[in-house]
Amino acid sequence: RRNSYYYSLIFRQYKALIPAGSTILEIGCGTGVLLGVLEPKFATGIDYSKKMIERAREKYSTFEFHHGDIQSFETDRQYDR
């Protein structure tokens, strides 16, 4: 809310690049708001902040969130974006 104009511009740009229904991996996902805006078919978010991941899991229970460093993240899933 604090910088709502800025974030609305960012979200619009990402929505123009990433179609709804995509499978998305976001590194540094914070609270998962961008993933929620993008309306993915499936989403995975990774963040180093445990508190951010806890908030993301509360807000977006259908997405997959991981706490940790991207260097130790492993998956067999294929992502569109």
PDB file of N, CA and C in Angstrom:
ATOM      1  N   ARG A   1       0.822  -1.205   0.000  1.00  0.00           N
ATOM      2  CA  ARG A   1       0.000   0.000   0.000  1.00  0.00           C
ATOM      3  C   ARG A   1       0.857   1.257   0.000  1.00  0.00           C
ATOM      4  N   ARG A   2       1.967   1.144   0.647  1.00  0.00           N
ATOM      5  CA  ARG A   2       2.819   2.311   0.794  1.00  0.00           C
ATOM      6  C   ARG A   2       3.284   2.873  -0.541  1.00  0.00           C
ATOM      7  N   ASN A   3       3.636   2.001  -1.443  1.00  0.00           N
ATOM      8  CA  ASN A   3       4.104   2.404  -2.775  1.00  0.00           C
ATOM      9  C   ASN A   3       3.209   1.776  -3.830  1.00  0.00           C
ATOM     10  N   SER A   4       1.922   1.937  -3.674  1.00  0.00           N
ATOM     11  CA  SER A   4       0.958   1.227  -4.516  1.00  0.00           C
ATOM     12  C   SER A   4       1.101   1.568  -6.003  1.00  0.00           C
ATOM     13  N   TYR A   5       1.383   2.804  -6.328  1.00  0.00           N
ATOM     14  CA  TYR A   5       1.542   3.167  -7.740  1.00  0.00           C
ATOM     15  C   TYR A   5       2.723   2.424  -8.359  1.00  0.00           C
ATOM     16  N   TYR A   6       3.837   2.413  -7.667  1.00  0.00           N
ATOM     17  CA  TYR A   6       5.034   1.711  -8.136  1.00  0.00           C
ATOM     18  C   TYR A   6       4.735   0.226  -8.348  1.00  0.00           C
ATOM     19  N   TYR A   7       4.124  -0.395  -7.359  1.00  0.00           N
ATOM     20  CA  TYR A   7       3.849  -1.823  -7.467  1.00  0.00           C
ATOM     21  C   TYR A   7       2.818  -2.125  -8.551  1.00  0.00           C
ATOM     22  N   SER A   8       1.853  -1.269  -8.751  1.00  0.00           N
ATOM     23  CA  SER A   8       0.876  -1.505  -9.820  1.00  0.00           C
ATOM     24  C   SER A   8       1.567  -1.481 -11.183  1.00  0.00           C
ATOM     25  N   LEU A   9       2.556  -0.603 -11.359  1.00  0.00           N
ATOM     26  CA  LEU A   9       3.325  -0.573 -12.610  1.00  0.00           C
ATOM     27  C   LEU A   9       4.134  -1.861 -12.793  1.00  0.00           C
ATOM     28  N   ILE A  10       4.788  -2.269 -11.735  1.00  0.00           N
ATOM     29  CA  ILE A  10       5.592  -3.507 -11.784  1.00  0.00           C
ATOM     30  C   ILE A  10       4.699  -4.701 -12.114  1.00  0.00           C
ATOM     31  N   PHE A  11       3.577  -4.803 -11.418  1.00  0.00           N
ATOM     32  CA  PHE A  11       2.674  -5.937 -11.630  1.00  0.00           C
ATOM     33  C   PHE A  11       2.138  -5.947 -13.062  1.00  0.00           C
ATOM     34  N   ARG A  12       1.804  -4.783 -13.596  1.00  0.00           N
ATOM     35  CA  ARG A  12       1.322  -4.705 -14.972  1.00  0.00           C
ATOM     36  C   ARG A  12       2.382  -5.175 -15.972  1.00  0.00           C
ATOM     37  N   GLN A  13       3.617  -4.790 -15.728  1.00  0.00           N
ATOM     38  CA  GLN A  13       4.707  -5.208 -16.615  1.00  0.00           C
ATOM     39  C   GLN A  13       4.869  -6.726 -16.604  1.00  0.00           C
ATOM     40  N   TYR A  14       4.876  -7.310 -15.408  1.00  0.00           N
ATOM     41  CA  TYR A  14       5.022  -8.763 -15.313  1.00  0.00           C
ATOM     42  C   TYR A  14       3.832  -9.484 -15.938  1.00  0.00           C
ATOM     43  N   LYS A  15       2.621  -8.971 -15.725  1.00  0.00           N
ATOM     44  CA  LYS A  15       1.434  -9.591 -16.309  1.00  0.00           C
ATOM     45  C   LYS A  15       1.465  -9.542 -17.832  1.00  0.00           C
ATOM     46  N   ALA A  16       2.076  -8.517 -18.390  1.00  0.00           N
ATOM     47  CA  ALA A  16       2.203  -8.420 -19.838  1.00  0.00           C
ATOM     48  C   ALA A  16       3.192  -9.449 -20.386  1.00  0.00           C
ATOM     49  N   LEU A  17       4.166  -9.832 -19.577  1.00  0.00           N
ATOM     50  CA  LEU A  17       5.202 -10.773 -20.008  1.00  0.00           C
ATOM     51  C   LEU A  17       4.877 -12.227 -19.694  1.00  0.00           C
ATOM     52  N   ILE A  18       4.133 -12.456 -18.615  1.00  0.00           N
ATOM     53  CA  ILE A  18       3.882 -13.818 -18.142  1.00  0.00           C
ATOM     54  C   ILE A  18       2.387 -14.092 -18.172  1.00  0.00           C
ATOM     55  N   PRO A  19       1.940 -14.966 -19.049  1.00  0.00           N
ATOM     56  CA  PRO A  19       0.503 -15.237 -19.154  1.00  0.00           C
ATOM     57  C   PRO A  19      -0.036 -15.997 -17.938  1.00  0.00           C
ATOM     58  N   ALA A  20      -1.281 -15.726 -17.599  1.00  0.00           N
ATOM     59  CA  ALA A  20      -1.953 -16.468 -16.528  1.00  0.00           C
ATOM     60  C   ALA A  20      -1.940 -17.945 -16.904  1.00  0.00           C
ATOM     61  N   GLY A  21      -1.832 -18.801 -15.905  1.00  0.00           N
ATOM     62  CA  GLY A  21      -1.802 -20.236 -16.157  1.00  0.00           C
ATOM     63  C   GLY A  21      -0.407 -20.795 -16.372  1.00  0.00           C
ATOM     64  N   SER A  22       0.615 -19.951 -16.246  1.00  0.00           N
ATOM     65  CA  SER A  22       1.998 -20.412 -16.397  1.00  0.00           C
ATOM     66  C   SER A  22       2.444 -21.140 -15.139  1.00  0.00           C
ATOM     67  N   THR A  23       3.530 -21.859 -15.271  1.00  0.00           N
ATOM     68  CA  THR A  23       4.199 -22.487 -14.127  1.00  0.00           C
ATOM     69  C   THR A  23       5.415 -21.622 -13.824  1.00  0.00           C
ATOM     70  N   ILE A  24       5.467 -21.055 -12.602  1.00  0.00           N
ATOM     71  CA  ILE A  24       6.433 -19.997 -12.303  1.00  0.00           C
ATOM     72  C   ILE A  24       7.303 -20.344 -11.092  1.00  0.00           C
ATOM     73  N   LEU A  25       8.584 -20.041 -11.200  1.00  0.00           N
ATOM     74  CA  LEU A  25       9.529 -20.100 -10.098  1.00  0.00           C
ATOM     75  C   LEU A  25       9.986 -18.677  -9.824  1.00  0.00           C
ATOM     76  N   GLU A  26       9.766 -18.206  -8.582  1.00  0.00           N
ATOM     77  CA  GLU A  26      10.231 -16.861  -8.211  1.00  0.00           C
ATOM     78  C   GLU A  26      11.282 -16.976  -7.124  1.00  0.00           C
ATOM     79  N   ILE A  27      12.439 -16.437  -7.412  1.00  0.00           N
ATOM     80  CA  ILE A  27      13.542 -16.414  -6.450  1.00  0.00           C
ATOM     81  C   ILE A  27      13.512 -15.069  -5.750  1.00  0.00           C
ATOM     82  N   GLY A  28      13.494 -15.096  -4.423  1.00  0.00           N
ATOM     83  CA  GLY A  28      13.346 -13.862  -3.657  1.00  0.00           C
ATOM     84  C   GLY A  28      11.888 -13.437  -3.653  1.00  0.00           C
ATOM     85  N   CYS A  29      10.994 -14.368  -3.361  1.00  0.00           N
ATOM     86  CA  CYS A  29       9.552 -14.143  -3.503  1.00  0.00           C
ATOM     87  C   CYS A  29       8.928 -13.293  -2.403  1.00  0.00           C
ATOM     88  N   GLY A  30       9.632 -13.079  -1.314  1.00  0.00           N
ATOM     89  CA  GLY A  30       9.048 -12.305  -0.214  1.00  0.00           C
ATOM     90  C   GLY A  30       7.755 -12.938   0.260  1.00  0.00           C
ATOM     91  N   THR A  31       6.684 -12.159   0.295  1.00  0.00           N
ATOM     92  CA  THR A  31       5.394 -12.667   0.774  1.00  0.00           C
ATOM     93  C   THR A  31       4.561 -13.326  -0.324  1.00  0.00           C
ATOM     94  N   GLY A  32       5.085 -13.442  -1.526  1.00  0.00           N
ATOM     95  CA  GLY A  32       4.400 -14.129  -2.609  1.00  0.00           C
ATOM     96  C   GLY A  32       3.388 -13.301  -3.369  1.00  0.00           C
ATOM     97  N   VAL A  33       3.338 -12.004  -3.121  1.00  0.00           N
ATOM     98  CA  VAL A  33       2.332 -11.148  -3.743  1.00  0.00           C
ATOM     99  C   VAL A  33       2.427 -11.178  -5.272  1.00  0.00           C
ATOM    100  N   LEU A  34       3.618 -11.100  -5.819  1.00  0.00           N
ATOM    101  CA  LEU A  34       3.762 -11.115  -7.270  1.00  0.00           C
ATOM    102  C   LEU A  34       3.214 -12.418  -7.849  1.00  0.00           C
ATOM    103  N   LEU A  35       3.500 -13.529  -7.218  1.00  0.00           N
ATOM    104  CA  LEU A  35       2.968 -14.806  -7.701  1.00  0.00           C
ATOM    105  C   LEU A  35       1.444 -14.786  -7.698  1.00  0.00           C
ATOM    106  N   GLY A  36       0.859 -14.234  -6.665  1.00  0.00           N
ATOM    107  CA  GLY A  36      -0.594 -14.142  -6.585  1.00  0.00           C
ATOM    108  C   GLY A  36      -1.183 -13.295  -7.691  1.00  0.00           C
ATOM    109  N   VAL A  37      -0.525 -12.215  -8.022  1.00  0.00           N
ATOM    110  CA  VAL A  37      -0.992 -11.308  -9.078  1.00  0.00           C
ATOM    111  C   VAL A  37      -0.930 -11.988 -10.448  1.00  0.00           C
ATOM    112  N   LEU A  38       0.058 -12.839 -10.648  1.00  0.00           N
ATOM    113  CA  LEU A  38       0.273 -13.457 -11.950  1.00  0.00           C
ATOM    114  C   LEU A  38      -0.682 -14.611 -12.257  1.00  0.00           C
ATOM    115  N   GLU A  39      -1.419 -15.087 -11.285  1.00  0.00           N
ATOM    116  CA  GLU A  39      -2.400 -16.153 -11.470  1.00  0.00           C
ATOM    117  C   GLU A  39      -1.815 -17.387 -12.161  1.00  0.00           C
ATOM    118  N   PRO A  40      -0.779 -17.972 -11.589  1.00  0.00           N
ATOM    119  CA  PRO A  40      -0.148 -19.125 -12.222  1.00  0.00           C
ATOM    120  C   PRO A  40      -0.965 -20.415 -12.053  1.00  0.00           C
ATOM    121  N   LYS A  41      -0.679 -21.360 -12.924  1.00  0.00           N
ATOM    122  CA  LYS A  41      -1.238 -22.705 -12.785  1.00  0.00           C
ATOM    123  C   LYS A  41      -0.591 -23.367 -11.573  1.00  0.00           C
ATOM    124  N   PHE A  42       0.721 -23.184 -11.457  1.00  0.00           N
ATOM    125  CA  PHE A  42       1.495 -23.677 -10.318  1.00  0.00           C
ATOM    126  C   PHE A  42       2.617 -22.690 -10.064  1.00  0.00           C
ATOM    127  N   ALA A  43       2.937 -22.471  -8.792  1.00  0.00           N
ATOM    128  CA  ALA A  43       4.008 -21.524  -8.458  1.00  0.00           C
ATOM    129  C   ALA A  43       4.862 -22.050  -7.325  1.00  0.00           C
ATOM    130  N   THR A  44       6.146 -21.777  -7.425  1.00  0.00           N
ATOM    131  CA  THR A  44       7.093 -22.058  -6.363  1.00  0.00           C
ATOM    132  C   THR A  44       7.818 -20.762  -6.045  1.00  0.00           C
ATOM    133  N   GLY A  45       7.901 -20.439  -4.771  1.00  0.00           N
ATOM    134  CA  GLY A  45       8.635 -19.265  -4.329  1.00  0.00           C
ATOM    135  C   GLY A  45       9.736 -19.667  -3.363  1.00  0.00           C
ATOM    136  N   ILE A  46      10.862 -18.990  -3.470  1.00  0.00           N
ATOM    137  CA  ILE A  46      12.004 -19.246  -2.591  1.00  0.00           C
ATOM    138  C   ILE A  46      12.444 -17.914  -2.006  1.00  0.00           C
ATOM    139  N   ASP A  47      12.689 -17.919  -0.695  1.00  0.00           N
ATOM    140  CA  ASP A  47      13.180 -16.707  -0.052  1.00  0.00           C
ATOM    141  C   ASP A  47      14.048 -17.093   1.136  1.00  0.00           C
ATOM    142  N   TYR A  48      15.019 -16.265   1.425  1.00  0.00           N
ATOM    143  CA  TYR A  48      15.937 -16.507   2.531  1.00  0.00           C
ATOM    144  C   TYR A  48      15.322 -16.122   3.875  1.00  0.00           C
ATOM    145  N   SER A  49      14.293 -15.291   3.859  1.00  0.00           N
ATOM    146  CA  SER A  49      13.654 -14.838   5.091  1.00  0.00           C
ATOM    147  C   SER A  49      12.562 -15.809   5.524  1.00  0.00           C
ATOM    148  N   LYS A  50      12.745 -16.399   6.670  1.00  0.00           N
ATOM    149  CA  LYS A  50      11.773 -17.358   7.196  1.00  0.00           C
ATOM    150  C   LYS A  50      10.419 -16.688   7.450  1.00  0.00           C
ATOM    151  N   LYS A  51      10.422 -15.460   7.957  1.00  0.00           N
ATOM    152  CA  LYS A  51       9.175 -14.740   8.219  1.00  0.00           C
ATOM    153  C   LYS A  51       8.404 -14.463   6.942  1.00  0.00           C
ATOM    154  N   MET A  52       9.108 -14.102   5.887  1.00  0.00           N
ATOM    155  CA  MET A  52       8.451 -13.846   4.607  1.00  0.00           C
ATOM    156  C   MET A  52       7.793 -15.119   4.075  1.00  0.00           C
ATOM    157  N   ILE A  53       8.490 -16.224   4.174  1.00  0.00           N
ATOM    158  CA  ILE A  53       7.942 -17.502   3.706  1.00  0.00           C
ATOM    159  C   ILE A  53       6.721 -17.892   4.533  1.00  0.00           C
ATOM    160  N   GLU A  54       6.757 -17.655   5.828  1.00  0.00           N
ATOM    161  CA  GLU A  54       5.595 -17.950   6.675  1.00  0.00           C
ATOM    162  C   GLU A  54       4.382 -17.131   6.224  1.00  0.00           C
ATOM    163  N   ARG A  55       4.585 -15.859   5.951  1.00  0.00           N
ATOM    164  CA  ARG A  55       3.492 -14.995   5.463  1.00  0.00           C
ATOM    165  C   ARG A  55       2.984 -15.464   4.106  1.00  0.00           C
ATOM    166  N   ALA A  56       3.906 -15.813   3.229  1.00  0.00           N
ATOM    167  CA  ALA A  56       3.523 -16.281   1.892  1.00  0.00           C
ATOM    168  C   ALA A  56       2.667 -17.540   1.984  1.00  0.00           C
ATOM    169  N   ARG A  57       3.057 -18.464   2.839  1.00  0.00           N
ATOM    170  CA  ARG A  57       2.285 -19.708   3.000  1.00  0.00           C
ATOM    171  C   ARG A  57       0.888 -19.440   3.544  1.00  0.00           C
ATOM    172  N   GLU A  58       0.778 -18.461   4.429  1.00  0.00           N
ATOM    173  CA  GLU A  58      -0.533 -18.097   4.975  1.00  0.00           C
ATOM    174  C   GLU A  58      -1.430 -17.498   3.894  1.00  0.00           C
ATOM    175  N   LYS A  59      -0.873 -16.634   3.059  1.00  0.00           N
ATOM    176  CA  LYS A  59      -1.658 -15.925   2.044  1.00  0.00           C
ATOM    177  C   LYS A  59      -1.978 -16.781   0.824  1.00  0.00           C
ATOM    178  N   TYR A  60      -1.045 -17.628   0.436  1.00  0.00           N
ATOM    179  CA  TYR A  60      -1.175 -18.386  -0.808  1.00  0.00           C
ATOM    180  C   TYR A  60      -0.915 -19.870  -0.550  1.00  0.00           C
ATOM    181  N   SER A  61      -1.869 -20.514   0.066  1.00  0.00           N
ATOM    182  CA  SER A  61      -1.689 -21.904   0.488  1.00  0.00           C
ATOM    183  C   SER A  61      -1.615 -22.885  -0.688  1.00  0.00           C
ATOM    184  N   THR A  62      -2.046 -22.481  -1.865  1.00  0.00           N
ATOM    185  CA  THR A  62      -1.997 -23.386  -3.021  1.00  0.00           C
ATOM    186  C   THR A  62      -0.640 -23.374  -3.722  1.00  0.00           C
ATOM    187  N   PHE A  63       0.213 -22.419  -3.369  1.00  0.00           N
ATOM    188  CA  PHE A  63       1.549 -22.348  -3.955  1.00  0.00           C
ATOM    189  C   PHE A  63       2.541 -23.075  -3.053  1.00  0.00           C
ATOM    190  N   GLU A  64       3.689 -23.378  -3.605  1.00  0.00           N
ATOM    191  CA  GLU A  64       4.754 -24.060  -2.869  1.00  0.00           C
ATOM    192  C   GLU A  64       5.829 -23.027  -2.514  1.00  0.00           C
ATOM    193  N   PHE A  65       6.176 -22.944  -1.234  1.00  0.00           N
ATOM    194  CA  PHE A  65       7.193 -21.987  -0.799  1.00  0.00           C
ATOM    195  C   PHE A  65       8.297 -22.704  -0.042  1.00  0.00           C
ATOM    196  N   HIS A  66       9.528 -22.259  -0.282  1.00  0.00           N
ATOM    197  CA  HIS A  66      10.696 -22.848   0.363  1.00  0.00           C
ATOM    198  C   HIS A  66      11.522 -21.761   1.018  1.00  0.00           C
ATOM    199  N   HIS A  67      11.933 -22.039   2.236  1.00  0.00           N
ATOM    200  CA  HIS A  67      12.836 -21.139   2.952  1.00  0.00           C
ATOM    201  C   HIS A  67      14.258 -21.634   2.713  1.00  0.00           C
ATOM    202  N   GLY A  68      15.142 -20.736   2.305  1.00  0.00           N
ATOM    203  CA  GLY A  68      16.533 -21.126   2.142  1.00  0.00           C
ATOM    204  C   GLY A  68      17.225 -20.387   1.026  1.00  0.00           C
ATOM    205  N   ASP A  69      18.371 -20.904   0.711  1.00  0.00           N
ATOM    206  CA  ASP A  69      19.258 -20.329  -0.288  1.00  0.00           C
ATOM    207  C   ASP A  69      19.020 -21.016  -1.626  1.00  0.00           C
ATOM    208  N   ILE A  70      18.976 -20.261  -2.700  1.00  0.00           N
ATOM    209  CA  ILE A  70      18.734 -20.822  -4.026  1.00  0.00           C
ATOM    210  C   ILE A  70      19.810 -21.839  -4.411  1.00  0.00           C
ATOM    211  N   GLN A  71      21.001 -21.693  -3.893  1.00  0.00           N
ATOM    212  CA  GLN A  71      22.086 -22.612  -4.251  1.00  0.00           C
ATOM    213  C   GLN A  71      21.828 -24.031  -3.757  1.00  0.00           C
ATOM    214  N   SER A  72      21.000 -24.172  -2.721  1.00  0.00           N
ATOM    215  CA  SER A  72      20.709 -25.512  -2.202  1.00  0.00           C
ATOM    216  C   SER A  72      19.349 -26.034  -2.666  1.00  0.00           C
ATOM    217  N   PHE A  73      18.632 -25.267  -3.475  1.00  0.00           N
ATOM    218  CA  PHE A  73      17.310 -25.662  -3.950  1.00  0.00           C
ATOM    219  C   PHE A  73      17.437 -26.633  -5.118  1.00  0.00           C
ATOM    220  N   GLU A  74      16.697 -27.735  -5.029  1.00  0.00           N
ATOM    221  CA  GLU A  74      16.684 -28.721  -6.103  1.00  0.00           C
ATOM    222  C   GLU A  74      15.249 -29.112  -6.400  1.00  0.00           C
ATOM    223  N   THR A  75      14.948 -29.313  -7.679  1.00  0.00           N
ATOM    224  CA  THR A  75      13.616 -29.740  -8.082  1.00  0.00           C
ATOM    225  C   THR A  75      13.688 -30.442  -9.433  1.00  0.00           C
ATOM    226  N   ASP A  76      12.733 -31.315  -9.664  1.00  0.00           N
ATOM    227  CA  ASP A  76      12.593 -31.958 -10.965  1.00  0.00           C
ATOM    228  C   ASP A  76      11.519 -31.289 -11.808  1.00  0.00           C
ATOM    229  N   ARG A  77      10.809 -30.353 -11.207  1.00  0.00           N
ATOM    230  CA  ARG A  77       9.704 -29.662 -11.883  1.00  0.00           C
ATOM    231  C   ARG A  77      10.246 -28.755 -12.991  1.00  0.00           C
ATOM    232  N   GLN A  78       9.481 -28.666 -14.071  1.00  0.00           N
ATOM    233  CA  GLN A  78       9.797 -27.760 -15.169  1.00  0.00           C
ATOM    234  C   GLN A  78       8.971 -26.488 -15.016  1.00  0.00           C
ATOM    235  N   TYR A  79       9.575 -25.336 -15.247  1.00  0.00           N
ATOM    236  CA  TYR A  79       8.897 -24.057 -15.117  1.00  0.00           C
ATOM    237  C   TYR A  79       8.851 -23.336 -16.454  1.00  0.00           C
ATOM    238  N   ASP A  80       7.734 -22.647 -16.704  1.00  0.00           N
ATOM    239  CA  ASP A  80       7.615 -21.839 -17.923  1.00  0.00           C
ATOM    240  C   ASP A  80       8.415 -20.562 -17.790  1.00  0.00           C
ATOM    241  N   ARG A  81       8.383 -19.967 -16.624  1.00  0.00           N
ATOM    242  CA  ARG A  81       9.010 -18.677 -16.381  1.00  0.00           C
ATOM    243  C   ARG A  81       9.804 -18.714 -15.104  1.00  0.00           C
TER     244      ARG A  81
END
